[in-house]
C-alpha atoms as a PDB file:
ATOM      1  CA  MET A   1     -14.454   8.438  26.397  1.00  0.00           C
ATOM      2  CA  ASN A   2     -12.282  11.032  24.648  1.00  0.00           C
ATOM      3  CA  SER A   3      -9.432   8.553  24.108  1.00  0.00           C
ATOM      4  CA  LEU A   4      -9.314   4.876  23.194  1.00  0.00           C
ATOM      5  CA  THR A   5      -6.646   2.216  23.784  1.00  0.00           C
ATOM      6  CA  LYS A   6      -6.439  -1.074  21.907  1.00  0.00           C
ATOM      7  CA  THR A   7      -3.868  -3.863  21.798  1.00  0.00           C
ATOM      8  CA  TYR A   8      -2.456  -5.066  18.471  1.00  0.00           C
ATOM      9  CA  HIS A   9      -0.296  -8.105  17.828  1.00  0.00           C
ATOM     10  CA  ILE A  10       2.463  -8.089  15.222  1.00  0.00           C
ATOM     11  CA  GLU A  11       2.178 -11.413  13.401  1.00  0.00           C
ATOM     12  CA  ILE A  12       4.326 -12.953  10.682  1.00  0.00           C
ATOM     13  CA  SER A  13       1.994 -11.497   8.040  1.00  0.00           C
ATOM     14  CA  ASN A  14       2.705  -7.970   9.347  1.00  0.00           C
ATOM     15  CA  VAL A  15       6.490  -7.982   8.803  1.00  0.00           C
ATOM     16  CA  ASP A  16       8.722  -7.780   5.752  1.00  0.00           C
ATOM     17  CA  ALA A  17      11.493 -10.067   4.498  1.00  0.00           C
ATOM     18  CA  ASN A  18      13.780  -8.772   7.277  1.00  0.00           C
ATOM     19  CA  PHE A  19      11.158  -9.264  10.028  1.00  0.00           C
ATOM     20  CA  ASN A  20      10.587  -5.506  10.385  1.00  0.00           C
ATOM     21  CA  VAL A  21       6.999  -4.327  10.812  1.00  0.00           C
ATOM     22  CA  THR A  22       5.698  -2.979   7.510  1.00  0.00           C
ATOM     23  CA  PRO A  23       4.589   0.643   7.024  1.00  0.00           C
ATOM     24  CA  LYS A  24       1.294  -0.717   5.696  1.00  0.00           C
ATOM     25  CA  TYR A  25       0.573  -2.553   8.951  1.00  0.00           C
ATOM     26  CA  ILE A  26       1.425   0.536  10.987  1.00  0.00           C
ATOM     27  CA  MET A  27      -1.082   2.471   8.896  1.00  0.00           C
ATOM     28  CA  GLU A  28      -3.640  -0.318   9.277  1.00  0.00           C
ATOM     29  CA  MET A  29      -3.361  -0.157  13.079  1.00  0.00           C
ATOM     30  CA  LEU A  30      -3.824   3.617  13.042  1.00  0.00           C
ATOM     31  CA  GLN A  31      -6.768   3.379  10.663  1.00  0.00           C
ATOM     32  CA  ASP A  32      -8.444   0.651  12.682  1.00  0.00           C
ATOM     33  CA  ILE A  33      -8.309   2.401  16.049  1.00  0.00           C
ATOM     34  CA  ALA A  34      -9.275   5.780  14.544  1.00  0.00           C
ATOM     35  CA  THR A  35     -12.311   4.139  12.928  1.00  0.00           C
ATOM     36  CA  ASP A  36     -13.357   2.423  16.157  1.00  0.00           C
ATOM     37  CA  HIS A  37     -12.965   5.578  18.209  1.00  0.00           C
ATOM     38  CA  ALA A  38     -14.934   7.717  15.740  1.00  0.00           C
ATOM     39  CA  ASN A  39     -17.754   5.160  15.925  1.00  0.00           C
ATOM     40  CA  ILE A  40     -17.728   5.261  19.717  1.00  0.00           C
ATOM     41  CA  LEU A  41     -17.830   9.068  19.765  1.00  0.00           C
ATOM     42  CA  GLY A  42     -20.739   9.198  17.332  1.00  0.00           C
ATOM     43  CA  PHE A  43     -19.091  10.549  14.186  1.00  0.00           C
ATOM     44  CA  GLY A  44     -18.028   7.331  12.477  1.00  0.00           C
ATOM     45  CA  TRP A  45     -18.719   6.163   8.927  1.00  0.00           C
ATOM     46  CA  ASN A  46     -22.315   5.077   9.519  1.00  0.00           C
ATOM     47  CA  ASP A  47     -23.174   8.237  11.466  1.00  0.00           C
ATOM     48  CA  LEU A  48     -21.761  10.535   8.790  1.00  0.00           C
ATOM     49  CA  ARG A  49     -23.260   8.529   5.938  1.00  0.00           C
ATOM     50  CA  LYS A  50     -26.715   9.473   7.198  1.00  0.00           C
ATOM     51  CA  GLU A  51     -25.727  13.132   6.777  1.00  0.00           C
ATOM     52  CA  ASN A  52     -24.109  12.697   3.354  1.00  0.00           C
ATOM     53  CA  LYS A  53     -20.634  13.301   4.819  1.00  0.00           C
ATOM     54  CA  VAL A  54     -17.406  11.325   5.048  1.00  0.00           C
ATOM     55  CA  TRP A  55     -13.982  11.669   6.664  1.00  0.00           C
ATOM     56  CA  VAL A  56     -10.892  11.420   4.441  1.00  0.00           C
ATOM     57  CA  LEU A  57      -7.292  11.433   5.603  1.00  0.00           C
ATOM     58  CA  SER A  58      -5.408  14.503   4.396  1.00  0.00           C
ATOM     59  CA  LYS A  59      -1.960  14.112   5.978  1.00  0.00           C
ATOM     60  CA  ILE A  60      -0.245  11.802   8.410  1.00  0.00           C
ATOM     61  CA  LYS A  61       3.201  11.739  10.009  1.00  0.00           C
ATOM     62  CA  VAL A  62       4.465   8.711  11.938  1.00  0.00           C
ATOM     63  CA  GLU A  63       7.574   8.179  14.063  1.00  0.00           C
ATOM     64  CA  SER A  64       8.454   4.567  14.850  1.00  0.00           C
ATOM     65  CA  SER A  65      11.034   2.798  16.972  1.00  0.00           C
ATOM     66  CA  ILE A  66       9.394  -0.619  16.728  1.00  0.00           C
ATOM     67  CA  GLU A  67      12.066  -3.317  16.886  1.00  0.00           C
ATOM     68  CA  LYS A  68      12.052  -6.786  15.338  1.00  0.00           C
ATOM     69  CA  ASP A  69      11.295  -8.495  18.644  1.00  0.00           C
ATOM     70  CA  THR A  70       8.246  -6.300  19.350  1.00  0.00           C
ATOM     71  CA  SER A  71       5.144  -8.482  19.358  1.00  0.00           C
ATOM     72  CA  VAL A  72       2.543  -6.248  20.999  1.00  0.00           C
ATOM     73  CA  ILE A  73       1.572  -2.617  20.454  1.00  0.00           C
ATOM     74  CA  ASN A  74      -0.761  -0.933  22.939  1.00  0.00           C
ATOM     75  CA  LEU A  75      -2.107   1.940  20.872  1.00  0.00           C
ATOM     76  CA  THR A  76      -3.961   4.996  22.191  1.00  0.00           C
ATOM     77  CA  THR A  77      -5.697   7.636  20.093  1.00  0.00           C
ATOM     78  CA  TRP A  78      -7.659  10.834  20.683  1.00  0.00           C
ATOM     79  CA  PRO A  79      -9.157  13.584  18.486  1.00  0.00           C
ATOM     80  CA  LEU A  80      -7.797  17.118  18.581  1.00  0.00           C
ATOM     81  CA  GLN A  81      -9.817  20.322  18.678  1.00  0.00           C
ATOM     82  CA  PRO A  82     -10.829  20.972  15.028  1.00  0.00           C
ATOM     83  CA  ASN A  83     -10.582  24.274  13.216  1.00  0.00           C
ATOM     84  CA  ARG A  84     -12.770  25.469  10.338  1.00  0.00           C
ATOM     85  CA  PHE A  85     -10.870  23.428   7.744  1.00  0.00           C
ATOM     86  CA  PHE A  86      -9.431  20.283   9.333  1.00  0.00           C
ATOM     87  CA  ALA A  87      -9.744  17.914  12.259  1.00  0.00           C
ATOM     88  CA  GLY A  88      -6.675  16.347  13.878  1.00  0.00           C
ATOM     89  CA  ARG A  89      -6.085  13.015  15.586  1.00  0.00           C
ATOM     90  CA  ASP A  90      -2.981  11.847  17.459  1.00  0.00           C
ATOM     91  CA  PHE A  91      -1.684   8.416  18.434  1.00  0.00           C
ATOM     92  CA  ILE A  92       0.833   6.945  20.882  1.00  0.00           C
ATOM     93  CA  GLY A  93       1.868   3.290  20.961  1.00  0.00           C
ATOM     94  CA  THR A  94       3.814   1.382  23.604  1.00  0.00           C
ATOM     95  CA  ASP A  95       5.346  -2.086  23.553  1.00  0.00           C
ATOM     96  CA  GLY A  96       4.742  -4.855  26.078  1.00  0.00           C
ATOM     97  CA  ASN A  97       7.210  -3.232  28.493  1.00  0.00           C
ATOM     98  CA  GLY A  98       5.519   0.163  28.391  1.00  0.00           C
ATOM     99  CA  ASN A  99       8.152   1.811  26.186  1.00  0.00           C
ATOM    100  CA  VAL A 100       6.833   4.351  23.668  1.00  0.00           C
ATOM    101  CA  VAL A 101       7.613   2.918  20.221  1.00  0.00           C
ATOM    102  CA  LEU A 102       5.120   4.742  18.011  1.00  0.00           C
ATOM    103  CA  ARG A 103       3.901   8.337  17.733  1.00  0.00           C
ATOM    104  CA  ALA A 104       1.716   9.823  15.029  1.00  0.00           C
ATOM    105  CA  THR A 105      -0.262  12.923  14.163  1.00  0.00           C
ATOM    106  CA  SER A 106      -2.853  13.155  11.411  1.00  0.00           C
ATOM    107  CA  ILE A 107      -5.102  15.690   9.701  1.00  0.00           C
ATOM    108  CA  TRP A 108      -8.542  14.807   8.365  1.00  0.00           C
ATOM    109  CA  SER A 109     -10.968  16.541   6.027  1.00  0.00           C
ATOM    110  CA  LEU A 110     -14.753  16.341   6.179  1.00  0.00           C
ATOM    111  CA  LEU A 111     -16.266  15.975   2.693  1.00  0.00           C
ATOM    112  CA  ASP A 112     -19.700  16.087   1.148  1.00  0.00           C
ATOM    113  CA  ILE A 113     -20.182  12.623  -0.359  1.00  0.00           C
ATOM    114  CA  GLN A 114     -21.754  13.797  -3.628  1.00  0.00           C
ATOM    115  CA  SER A 115     -19.861  17.003  -4.392  1.00  0.00           C
ATOM    116  CA  ARG A 116     -16.583  15.903  -2.711  1.00  0.00           C
ATOM    117  CA  LYS A 117     -16.243  19.471  -1.443  1.00  0.00           C
ATOM    118  CA  MET A 118     -14.598  20.173   1.902  1.00  0.00           C
ATOM    119  CA  LEU A 119     -16.904  20.997   4.799  1.00  0.00           C
ATOM    120  CA  ASN A 120     -16.268  22.712   8.121  1.00  0.00           C
ATOM    121  CA  PRO A 121     -15.608  19.979  10.751  1.00  0.00           C
ATOM    122  CA  HIS A 122     -17.779  21.988  13.128  1.00  0.00           C
ATOM    123  CA  ASP A 123     -20.722  21.014  10.908  1.00  0.00           C
ATOM    124  CA  ILE A 124     -20.879  17.798  12.953  1.00  0.00           C
ATOM    125  CA  ASP A 125     -20.628  19.377  16.401  1.00  0.00           C
ATOM    126  CA  HIS A 126     -24.157  18.107  17.013  1.00  0.00           C
ATOM    127  CA  LEU A 127     -22.720  14.574  16.775  1.00  0.00           C
ATOM    128  CA  TYR A 128     -19.654  15.282  18.905  1.00  0.00           C
ATOM    129  CA  GLY A 129     -18.536  18.684  20.121  1.00  0.00           C
ATOM    130  CA  GLY A 130     -15.897  17.672  22.645  1.00  0.00           C
ATOM    131  CA  PRO A 131     -14.389  17.573  25.167  1.00  0.00           C
ATOM    132  CA  TYR A 132     -10.997  17.243  23.535  1.00  0.00           C
ATOM    133  CA  LEU A 133      -7.789  16.269  25.286  1.00  0.00           C
ATOM    134  CA  GLU A 134      -5.341  19.159  25.547  1.00  0.00           C
ATOM    135  CA  LYS A 135      -2.278  17.143  24.622  1.00  0.00           C
ATOM    136  CA  ASN A 136      -0.484  15.909  21.530  1.00  0.00           C
ATOM    137  CA  ALA A 137       1.666  12.929  20.673  1.00  0.00           C
ATOM    138  CA  GLY A 138       4.864  14.962  20.433  1.00  0.00           C
ATOM    139  CA  VAL A 139       5.177  14.725  16.636  1.00  0.00           C
ATOM    140  CA  GLU A 140       5.974  18.002  14.885  1.00  0.00           C
ATOM    141  CA  ALA A 141       3.061  18.781  12.574  1.00  0.00           C
ATOM    142  CA  LYS A 142       5.205  19.861   9.635  1.00  0.00           C
ATOM    143  CA  TRP A 143       5.257  18.080   6.310  1.00  0.00           C
ATOM    144  CA  GLU A 144       7.915  18.308   3.624  1.00  0.00           C
ATOM    145  CA  LYS A 145       6.563  19.594   0.322  1.00  0.00           C
ATOM    146  CA  LEU A 146       7.634  17.189  -2.408  1.00  0.00           C
ATOM    147  CA  THR A 147       7.668  17.960  -6.132  1.00  0.00           C
ATOM    148  CA  ALA A 148       8.642  15.516  -8.863  1.00  0.00           C
ATOM    149  CA  ASP A 149      11.535  17.516 -10.308  1.00  0.00           C
ATOM    150  CA  GLU A 150      14.368  16.278 -12.544  1.00  0.00           C
ATOM    151  CA  SER A 151      15.828  14.218  -9.687  1.00  0.00           C
ATOM    152  CA  TYR A 152      12.781  11.926  -9.789  1.00  0.00           C
ATOM    153  CA  GLY A 153      12.302   9.066 -12.181  1.00  0.00           C
ATOM    154  CA  CYS A 154       9.224   7.016 -13.012  1.00  0.00           C
ATOM    155  CA  ARG A 155       9.671   3.730 -11.149  1.00  0.00           C
ATOM    156  CA  TYR A 156       6.454   2.138 -12.409  1.00  0.00           C
ATOM    157  CA  VAL A 157       2.828   2.852 -13.375  1.00  0.00           C
ATOM    158  CA  LYS A 158       0.054   1.748 -11.040  1.00  0.00           C
ATOM    159  CA  ASN A 159      -3.377   0.990 -12.459  1.00  0.00           C
ATOM    160  CA  VAL A 160      -5.966   1.211  -9.673  1.00  0.00           C
ATOM    161  CA  ARG A 161      -7.860  -2.056  -9.339  1.00  0.00           C
ATOM    162  CA  TRP A 162     -10.783  -3.280  -7.254  1.00  0.00           C
ATOM    163  CA  THR A 163      -8.632  -4.543  -4.363  1.00  0.00           C
ATOM    164  CA  ASP A 164      -7.127  -1.066  -3.893  1.00  0.00           C
ATOM    165  CA  LEU A 165     -10.505   0.416  -2.940  1.00  0.00           C
ATOM    166  CA  ASP A 166     -12.183   0.810   0.452  1.00  0.00           C
ATOM    167  CA  ILE A 167     -15.771   1.439   1.572  1.00  0.00           C
ATOM    168  CA  ASN A 168     -15.570   4.994   0.228  1.00  0.00           C
ATOM    169  CA  ARG A 169     -14.808   3.508  -3.218  1.00  0.00           C
ATOM    170  CA  HIS A 170     -11.468   5.254  -3.454  1.00  0.00           C
ATOM    171  CA  VAL A 171      -7.956   3.945  -2.789  1.00  0.00           C
ATOM    172  CA  ASN A 172      -7.539   3.154   0.898  1.00  0.00           C
ATOM    173  CA  ASN A 173      -4.874   5.313   2.567  1.00  0.00           C
ATOM    174  CA  THR A 174      -2.887   2.264   3.712  1.00  0.00           C
ATOM    175  CA  ASN A 175      -2.266   1.231   0.099  1.00  0.00           C
ATOM    176  CA  TYR A 176      -0.310   4.375  -0.739  1.00  0.00           C
ATOM    177  CA  THR A 177       2.437   3.262   1.643  1.00  0.00           C
ATOM    178  CA  GLN A 178       2.562  -0.037  -0.253  1.00  0.00           C
ATOM    179  CA  TRP A 179       2.885   1.826  -3.556  1.00  0.00           C
ATOM    180  CA  ALA A 180       5.771   3.865  -2.170  1.00  0.00           C
ATOM    181  CA  MET A 181       7.560   0.840  -0.729  1.00  0.00           C
ATOM    182  CA  ASP A 182       7.232  -0.915  -4.086  1.00  0.00           C
ATOM    183  CA  CYS A 183       9.718   1.654  -5.420  1.00  0.00           C
ATOM    184  CA  ILE A 184      12.421  -0.301  -3.569  1.00  0.00           C
ATOM    185  CA  ASP A 185      13.923  -2.597  -6.186  1.00  0.00           C
ATOM    186  CA  SER A 186      16.793  -4.245  -4.287  1.00  0.00           C
ATOM    187  CA  PRO A 187      16.277  -7.687  -2.692  1.00  0.00           C
ATOM    188  CA  ASP A 188      19.052  -6.737  -0.252  1.00  0.00           C
ATOM    189  CA  PHE A 189      17.233  -3.704   1.169  1.00  0.00           C
ATOM    190  CA  ASN A 190      17.344  -3.952   4.974  1.00  0.00           C
ATOM    191  CA  GLY A 191      16.005  -0.601   6.156  1.00  0.00           C
ATOM    192  CA  LYS A 192      13.697  -0.283   9.136  1.00  0.00           C
ATOM    193  CA  ILE A 193      11.038   2.439   9.008  1.00  0.00           C
ATOM    194  CA  ARG A 194      11.763   5.292  11.405  1.00  0.00           C
ATOM    195  CA  GLN A 195       9.573   8.082  10.072  1.00  0.00           C
ATOM    196  CA  MET A 196       6.996   8.406   7.345  1.00  0.00           C
ATOM    197  CA  GLU A 197       4.910  11.252   6.007  1.00  0.00           C
ATOM    198  CA  VAL A 198       2.071  10.840   3.531  1.00  0.00           C
ATOM    199  CA  THR A 199       0.060  13.683   2.034  1.00  0.00           C
ATOM    200  CA  PHE A 200      -3.081  13.029   0.008  1.00  0.00           C
ATOM    201  CA  HIS A 201      -3.801  15.685  -2.631  1.00  0.00           C
ATOM    202  CA  SER A 202      -6.679  14.075  -4.541  1.00  0.00           C
ATOM    203  CA  GLU A 203      -8.614  10.837  -4.558  1.00  0.00           C
ATOM    204  CA  CYS A 204      -7.551   7.890  -6.692  1.00  0.00           C
ATOM    205  CA  LEU A 205     -10.421   5.870  -8.136  1.00  0.00           C
ATOM    206  CA  MET A 206     -10.976   2.607  -9.978  1.00  0.00           C
ATOM    207  CA  GLY A 207      -9.257   2.665 -13.368  1.00  0.00           C
ATOM    208  CA  ASP A 208      -6.967   5.614 -12.609  1.00  0.00           C
ATOM    209  CA  GLU A 209      -3.406   5.369 -13.947  1.00  0.00           C
ATOM    210  CA  ILE A 210      -0.828   6.657 -11.465  1.00  0.00           C
ATOM    211  CA  LYS A 211       2.782   7.335 -12.409  1.00  0.00           C
ATOM    212  CA  ILE A 212       4.868   6.523  -9.357  1.00  0.00           C
ATOM    213  CA  MET A 213       7.843   8.894  -9.367  1.00  0.00           C
ATOM    214  CA  CYS A 214      10.695   8.144  -6.988  1.00  0.00           C
ATOM    215  CA  ASN A 215      13.903   9.627  -5.616  1.00  0.00           C
ATOM    216  CA  ASN A 216      15.430   7.275  -3.090  1.00  0.00           C
ATOM    217  CA  GLY A 217      18.592   6.504  -1.189  1.00  0.00           C
ATOM    218  CA  LYS A 218      18.632   6.181   2.572  1.00  0.00           C
ATOM    219  CA  SER A 219      15.392   8.158   2.369  1.00  0.00           C
ATOM    220  CA  LEU A 220      12.573   7.279   0.013  1.00  0.00           C
ATOM    221  CA  ARG A 221      10.667  10.137  -1.571  1.00  0.00           C
ATOM    222  CA  CYS A 222       7.730   9.302  -3.773  1.00  0.00           C
ATOM    223  CA  VAL A 223       5.269  11.401  -5.795  1.00  0.00           C
ATOM    224  CA  GLY A 224       2.181   9.982  -7.459  1.00  0.00           C
ATOM    225  CA  ILE A 225       1.102  11.711 -10.661  1.00  0.00           C
ATOM    226  CA  LYS A 226      -2.443  11.372 -12.064  1.00  0.00           C
ATOM    227  CA  ASP A 227      -3.447  13.224 -15.232  1.00  0.00           C
ATOM    228  CA  GLY A 228      -0.344  15.386 -14.931  1.00  0.00           C
ATOM    229  CA  LYS A 229      -1.070  16.474 -11.343  1.00  0.00           C
ATOM    230  CA  THR A 230       0.236  15.284  -7.978  1.00  0.00           C
ATOM    231  CA  CYS A 231      -2.283  13.026  -6.250  1.00  0.00           C
ATOM    232  CA  PHE A 232      -0.111  11.965  -3.281  1.00  0.00           C
ATOM    233  CA  THR A 233       3.374  12.314  -1.863  1.00  0.00           C
ATOM    234  CA  ALA A 234       5.253  10.096   0.571  1.00  0.00           C
ATOM    235  CA  LYS A 235       8.524  10.421   2.431  1.00  0.00           C
ATOM    236  CA  PHE A 236      10.032   7.483   4.324  1.00  0.00           C
ATOM    237  CA  ASP A 237      13.174   7.635   6.477  1.00  0.00           C
ATOM    238  CA  PHE A 238      14.874   4.384   7.455  1.00  0.00           C
ATOM    239  CA  ALA A 239      17.395   3.111   9.965  1.00  0.00           C
ATOM    240  CA  PHE A 240      19.961   0.651   8.635  1.00  0.00           C
ATOM    241  CA  PRO A 241      22.070  -1.919  10.529  1.00  0.00           C
ATOM    242  CA  GLU A 242      25.616  -0.791  11.181  1.00  0.00           C
ATOM    243  CA  ASN A 243      28.159  -2.774   9.177  1.00  0.00           C
END
């Protein structure tokens, strides 16, 4: 079972004030199906925990054409052939009519739980060594390098609290999209997410203070700074209604 398909429903709690699906919910769908598929293949959280290892998301890029009237997403995911540093996973989502409305590619790191050092993904080949599908979702695996230069300003400071954490006791990857979207300060914002990239540089833990630096217009670019160093970056591109 080298791919998995699941159906997700977009409910009222998964949309914003303009009835557009939120970036956080898109990330939650991707996280959920990736978790389920890893469990099925034998290298999920419980399997790795026994070996003192854990997966962490390193980078993700998503392209979306989900419209306001979309109520169902049929999402498919599959792992990519890993190299000595990272393991990839791709996703494709279709609406109820079979139209492709979501594509994503992601890169994951395997860590030692105690030392937090990166491991070779092939260290778990005894749990799952393939086969891997020889296809991708059609998303270009290039990420824009963002640096908080003079064009960025501090939009707010985020203090990491208990509800930000996941089972790995660090900030869950879906919450970083929420932090970035919170840089939008206009009640009249009506953008619809079309593409997002998030890169995770270091873990954020309970009690950490994160300066959320922002440079936004029709695109939103966000850099999180912890102890003077970049801990995450995010880039969101939006589509806006024609006036």
